[in-house]
Protein backbone atom coordinates (compact mmCIF):
# COMPACT_ATOMS: atom_id res chain seq x y z
CA UNK A 1 11.10 14.43 -13.41
CA UNK A 2 10.12 10.96 -12.17
CA UNK A 3 7.39 8.84 -13.74
CA UNK A 4 3.93 9.15 -12.16
CA UNK A 5 2.71 6.04 -10.33
CA UNK A 6 -0.90 4.98 -9.75
CA UNK A 7 -1.46 4.13 -6.07
CA UNK A 8 -4.45 2.41 -4.45
CA UNK A 9 -4.59 1.89 -0.65
CA UNK A 10 -7.00 -0.31 1.31
CA UNK A 11 -7.15 -2.09 4.65
CA UNK A 12 -5.71 -5.62 4.54
CA UNK A 13 -8.58 -7.86 5.69
CA UNK A 14 -5.99 -10.61 6.27
CA UNK A 15 -4.39 -8.53 9.03
CA UNK A 16 -4.37 -9.99 12.54
CA UNK A 17 -3.13 -8.14 15.62
CA UNK A 18 -2.24 -11.55 17.08
CA UNK A 19 0.07 -12.31 14.11
CA UNK A 20 3.03 -9.91 13.88
CA UNK A 21 3.91 -11.23 10.42
CA UNK A 22 0.80 -9.57 8.92
CA UNK A 23 0.56 -5.92 7.84
CA UNK A 24 -2.41 -3.55 8.22
CA UNK A 25 -2.41 -1.93 4.78
CA UNK A 26 -2.44 -3.31 1.24
CA UNK A 27 -0.92 -0.80 -1.21
CA UNK A 28 -1.15 -1.37 -4.96
CA UNK A 29 1.46 0.60 -6.90
CA UNK A 30 0.96 0.33 -10.66
CA UNK A 31 -0.89 -2.93 -9.92
CA UNK A 32 1.94 -4.47 -7.83
CA UNK A 33 0.92 -5.42 -4.27
CA UNK A 34 2.83 -4.21 -1.19
CA UNK A 35 1.98 -4.46 2.52
CA UNK A 36 2.81 -2.09 5.38
CA UNK A 37 1.73 -0.93 8.84
CA UNK A 38 1.80 2.82 8.11
CA UNK A 39 1.00 4.89 5.03
CA UNK A 40 1.66 8.62 4.61
CA UNK A 41 -0.02 10.32 1.65
CA UNK A 42 1.42 13.75 0.84
CA UNK A 43 -0.34 14.39 -2.48
CA UNK A 44 -3.94 14.96 -3.64
CA UNK A 45 -6.03 11.81 -3.12
CA UNK A 46 -9.61 10.62 -3.49
CA UNK A 47 -11.73 7.57 -2.77
CA UNK A 48 -12.41 5.11 -5.58
CA UNK A 49 -14.27 1.88 -6.22
CA UNK A 50 -12.22 -0.40 -8.46
CA UNK A 51 -12.62 -3.81 -10.02
CA UNK A 52 -9.49 -5.82 -9.16
CA UNK A 53 -8.91 -8.77 -11.48
CA UNK A 54 -9.30 -12.09 -9.66
CA UNK A 55 -10.50 -10.32 -6.49
CA UNK A 56 -13.63 -8.32 -7.33
CA UNK A 57 -14.90 -4.87 -6.37
CA UNK A 58 -12.77 -3.04 -3.78
CA UNK A 59 -12.79 0.46 -2.28
CA UNK A 60 -9.55 2.45 -2.07
CA UNK A 61 -7.95 5.73 -1.28
CA UNK A 62 -6.29 6.48 -4.62
CA UNK A 63 -3.72 8.95 -5.89
CA UNK A 64 -1.09 9.52 -8.53
CA UNK A 65 2.37 9.80 -6.97
CA UNK A 66 5.54 11.38 -8.27
CA UNK A 67 7.65 9.79 -5.52
CA UNK A 68 7.31 6.74 -3.24
CA UNK A 69 9.61 5.96 -0.31
CA UNK A 70 9.70 2.43 1.11
CA UNK A 71 10.83 2.09 4.74
CA UNK A 72 11.70 -1.49 5.73
CA UNK A 73 11.16 -3.08 9.14
CA UNK A 74 14.36 -3.07 11.18
CA UNK A 75 13.48 -6.38 12.81
CA UNK A 76 12.07 -9.60 11.42
CA UNK A 77 12.59 -11.43 8.19
CA UNK A 78 9.72 -10.18 6.03
CA UNK A 79 9.09 -10.79 2.30
CA UNK A 80 10.48 -8.16 -0.09
CA UNK A 81 7.04 -6.53 -0.52
CA UNK A 82 6.51 -5.99 3.25
CA UNK A 83 7.41 -2.61 4.78
CA UNK A 84 7.07 -0.73 8.05
CA UNK A 85 5.93 2.40 6.20
CA UNK A 86 5.28 3.66 2.67
CA UNK A 87 5.46 7.42 2.07
CA UNK A 88 3.64 8.67 -1.02
CA UNK A 89 4.13 12.15 -2.47
């Protein structure tokens, strides 16, 4: 059985449709930040209001995941924490 992972999802306010190097969603997985354009949540989830250190109060869709699949962009040279899609189950 895999280790459970705490996931928090929120819209990336730094996203710009005019800038293809930005991603729409900010996904925190055990506190580590990832960015993607699509998120699929296939497990029970709820909304939460969380205090993020150095950022302040933020609102999320939160869940505890048993499995996370990272799907990279096929084009472009994006940082290692940028993905086309993150699938959470």
